[in-house]
């Protein structure tokens, strides 16, 4: 096997180390519109618990602006047939069913 010259051997780790920044650059360029809308909708950013940036408190993204400006927005109401006194019963039923599945999968406790 031929031996690589010293300058080529020194260049290989640099090429390997430059793979992840190039990957990040490609991802940022690919999703730049989504990143831009996310940054525009941000109202407050906190770094290291003491560096705080505050932006326009009314800053909402275009999707929310369309929803709020539409006159067709209706209040969602609960169905009249829901019995709220049975909610905890449904919760514990789901919990018991999950416990049963986990017990069957992993074996019964001793």
C-alpha atoms as a PDB file:
ATOM      1  CA  UNK A   1       0.000   0.000   0.000  1.00  0.00           C
ATOM      2  CA  UNK A   2       1.501   3.346  -0.974  1.00  0.00           C
ATOM      3  CA  UNK A   3       2.272   5.785   1.805  1.00  0.00           C
ATOM      4  CA  UNK A   4       0.510   9.139   1.556  1.00  0.00           C
ATOM      5  CA  UNK A   5       2.630  12.271   1.664  1.00  0.00           C
ATOM      6  CA  UNK A   6       2.620  14.180   4.954  1.00  0.00           C
ATOM      7  CA  UNK A   7       0.596  17.121   3.663  1.00  0.00           C
ATOM      8  CA  UNK A   8      -2.161  14.780   2.428  1.00  0.00           C
ATOM      9  CA  UNK A   9      -2.263  12.927   5.768  1.00  0.00           C
ATOM     10  CA  UNK A  10      -2.571  16.257   7.586  1.00  0.00           C
ATOM     11  CA  UNK A  11      -5.390  17.351   5.290  1.00  0.00           C
ATOM     12  CA  UNK A  12      -7.625  14.271   5.885  1.00  0.00           C
ATOM     13  CA  UNK A  13      -8.650  15.153   9.498  1.00  0.00           C
ATOM     14  CA  UNK A  14      -9.504  18.664   8.334  1.00  0.00           C
ATOM     15  CA  UNK A  15     -11.812  17.255   5.667  1.00  0.00           C
ATOM     16  CA  UNK A  16     -13.462  14.910   8.165  1.00  0.00           C
ATOM     17  CA  UNK A  17     -13.932  17.741  10.695  1.00  0.00           C
ATOM     18  CA  UNK A  18     -15.536  19.973   8.068  1.00  0.00           C
ATOM     19  CA  UNK A  19     -18.360  17.504   7.319  1.00  0.00           C
ATOM     20  CA  UNK A  20     -20.685  18.509  10.191  1.00  0.00           C
ATOM     21  CA  UNK A  21     -20.501  22.315   9.590  1.00  0.00           C
ATOM     22  CA  UNK A  22     -21.273  21.750   5.924  1.00  0.00           C
ATOM     23  CA  UNK A  23     -24.207  19.531   6.910  1.00  0.00           C
ATOM     24  CA  UNK A  24     -25.553  22.226   9.261  1.00  0.00           C
ATOM     25  CA  UNK A  25     -25.163  24.864   6.557  1.00  0.00           C
ATOM     26  CA  UNK A  26     -27.114  22.726   4.095  1.00  0.00           C
ATOM     27  CA  UNK A  27     -29.913  22.168   6.657  1.00  0.00           C
ATOM     28  CA  UNK A  28     -30.110  25.879   7.506  1.00  0.00           C
ATOM     29  CA  UNK A  29     -30.305  26.818   3.837  1.00  0.00           C
ATOM     30  CA  UNK A  30     -32.900  24.099   3.205  1.00  0.00           C
ATOM     31  CA  UNK A  31     -35.195  25.219   6.058  1.00  0.00           C
ATOM     32  CA  UNK A  32     -34.480  28.975   5.968  1.00  0.00           C
ATOM     33  CA  UNK A  33     -38.120  29.977   5.382  1.00  0.00           C
ATOM     34  CA  UNK A  34     -39.314  27.929   8.346  1.00  0.00           C
ATOM     35  CA  UNK A  35     -36.520  29.252  10.547  1.00  0.00           C
ATOM     36  CA  UNK A  36     -37.339  32.827   9.517  1.00  0.00           C
ATOM     37  CA  UNK A  37     -41.040  32.452  10.395  1.00  0.00           C
ATOM     38  CA  UNK A  38     -40.138  30.813  13.700  1.00  0.00           C
ATOM     39  CA  UNK A  39     -37.790  33.661  14.621  1.00  0.00           C
ATOM     40  CA  UNK A  40     -40.387  36.258  13.590  1.00  0.00           C
ATOM     41  CA  UNK A  41     -42.984  34.669  15.884  1.00  0.00           C
ATOM     42  CA  UNK A  42     -40.640  34.677  18.883  1.00  0.00           C
ATOM     43  CA  UNK A  43     -41.457  37.207  21.611  1.00  0.00           C
ATOM     44  CA  UNK A  44     -38.806  36.437  24.211  1.00  0.00           C
ATOM     45  CA  UNK A  45     -35.450  34.694  24.229  1.00  0.00           C
ATOM     46  CA  UNK A  46     -33.434  33.847  27.322  1.00  0.00           C
ATOM     47  CA  UNK A  47     -29.795  32.795  27.292  1.00  0.00           C
ATOM     48  CA  UNK A  48     -27.868  31.578  30.334  1.00  0.00           C
ATOM     49  CA  UNK A  49     -30.669  32.690  32.732  1.00  0.00           C
ATOM     50  CA  UNK A  50     -29.525  36.311  32.764  1.00  0.00           C
ATOM     51  CA  UNK A  51     -29.413  37.473  29.143  1.00  0.00           C
ATOM     52  CA  UNK A  52     -32.976  38.179  27.995  1.00  0.00           C
ATOM     53  CA  UNK A  53     -34.130  39.570  24.661  1.00  0.00           C
ATOM     54  CA  UNK A  54     -37.731  40.749  24.364  1.00  0.00           C
ATOM     55  CA  UNK A  55     -39.423  41.475  21.088  1.00  0.00           C
ATOM     56  CA  UNK A  56     -42.816  42.846  20.037  1.00  0.00           C
ATOM     57  CA  UNK A  57     -45.357  41.330  22.459  1.00  0.00           C
ATOM     58  CA  UNK A  58     -47.920  41.289  19.660  1.00  0.00           C
ATOM     59  CA  UNK A  59     -45.580  39.353  17.396  1.00  0.00           C
ATOM     60  CA  UNK A  60     -47.572  36.491  15.941  1.00  0.00           C
ATOM     61  CA  UNK A  61     -46.823  34.500  12.852  1.00  0.00           C
ATOM     62  CA  UNK A  62     -48.786  34.727   9.625  1.00  0.00           C
ATOM     63  CA  UNK A  63     -50.710  31.515  10.287  1.00  0.00           C
ATOM     64  CA  UNK A  64     -52.039  32.807  13.619  1.00  0.00           C
ATOM     65  CA  UNK A  65     -52.764  36.199  12.098  1.00  0.00           C
ATOM     66  CA  UNK A  66     -54.954  34.560   9.431  1.00  0.00           C
ATOM     67  CA  UNK A  67     -56.811  32.556  12.060  1.00  0.00           C
ATOM     68  CA  UNK A  68     -57.403  35.572  14.286  1.00  0.00           C
ATOM     69  CA  UNK A  69     -58.480  37.808  11.425  1.00  0.00           C
ATOM     70  CA  UNK A  70     -60.998  35.351  10.015  1.00  0.00           C
ATOM     71  CA  UNK A  71     -64.568  36.155  10.983  1.00  0.00           C
ATOM     72  CA  UNK A  72     -65.503  32.469  10.848  1.00  0.00           C
ATOM     73  CA  UNK A  73     -63.658  31.594  14.046  1.00  0.00           C
ATOM     74  CA  UNK A  74     -66.060  29.731  16.292  1.00  0.00           C
ATOM     75  CA  UNK A  75     -65.797  28.808  19.934  1.00  0.00           C
ATOM     76  CA  UNK A  76     -65.390  25.074  20.390  1.00  0.00           C
ATOM     77  CA  UNK A  77     -67.871  23.696  22.879  1.00  0.00           C
ATOM     78  CA  UNK A  78     -67.966  20.339  24.578  1.00  0.00           C
ATOM     79  CA  UNK A  79     -70.617  17.844  23.558  1.00  0.00           C
ATOM     80  CA  UNK A  80     -73.641  17.817  25.803  1.00  0.00           C
ATOM     81  CA  UNK A  81     -73.439  14.038  26.208  1.00  0.00           C
ATOM     82  CA  UNK A  82     -70.112  14.098  28.087  1.00  0.00           C
ATOM     83  CA  UNK A  83     -70.437  12.988  31.703  1.00  0.00           C
ATOM     84  CA  UNK A  84     -67.627  14.772  33.497  1.00  0.00           C
ATOM     85  CA  UNK A  85     -68.080  12.720  36.658  1.00  0.00           C
ATOM     86  CA  UNK A  86     -66.788   9.659  34.735  1.00  0.00           C
ATOM     87  CA  UNK A  87     -63.567  11.274  33.529  1.00  0.00           C
ATOM     88  CA  UNK A  88     -61.436   9.900  36.346  1.00  0.00           C
ATOM     89  CA  UNK A  89     -62.922   6.476  35.752  1.00  0.00           C
ATOM     90  CA  UNK A  90     -61.809   6.576  32.117  1.00  0.00           C
ATOM     91  CA  UNK A  91     -58.347   7.725  33.177  1.00  0.00           C
ATOM     92  CA  UNK A  92     -57.882   4.888  35.625  1.00  0.00           C
ATOM     93  CA  UNK A  93     -59.322   2.387  33.163  1.00  0.00           C
ATOM     94  CA  UNK A  94     -56.641   3.422  30.667  1.00  0.00           C
ATOM     95  CA  UNK A  95     -54.008   3.245  33.390  1.00  0.00           C
ATOM     96  CA  UNK A  96     -55.121  -0.257  34.413  1.00  0.00           C
ATOM     97  CA  UNK A  97     -55.145  -1.450  30.807  1.00  0.00           C
ATOM     98  CA  UNK A  98     -51.638  -0.082  30.279  1.00  0.00           C
ATOM     99  CA  UNK A  99     -50.451  -1.753  33.488  1.00  0.00           C
ATOM    100  CA  UNK A 100     -51.970  -5.054  32.322  1.00  0.00           C
ATOM    101  CA  UNK A 101     -50.200  -4.846  28.975  1.00  0.00           C
ATOM    102  CA  UNK A 102     -46.873  -4.017  30.610  1.00  0.00           C
ATOM    103  CA  UNK A 103     -47.292  -6.871  33.100  1.00  0.00           C
ATOM    104  CA  UNK A 104     -48.050  -9.355  30.343  1.00  0.00           C
ATOM    105  CA  UNK A 105     -45.099  -8.193  28.271  1.00  0.00           C
ATOM    106  CA  UNK A 106     -42.541  -8.251  31.088  1.00  0.00           C
ATOM    107  CA  UNK A 107     -43.916 -10.999  33.327  1.00  0.00           C
ATOM    108  CA  UNK A 108     -46.001 -10.801  36.473  1.00  0.00           C
ATOM    109  CA  UNK A 109     -44.379  -9.265  39.572  1.00  0.00           C
ATOM    110  CA  UNK A 110     -43.186 -11.722  42.261  1.00  0.00           C
END
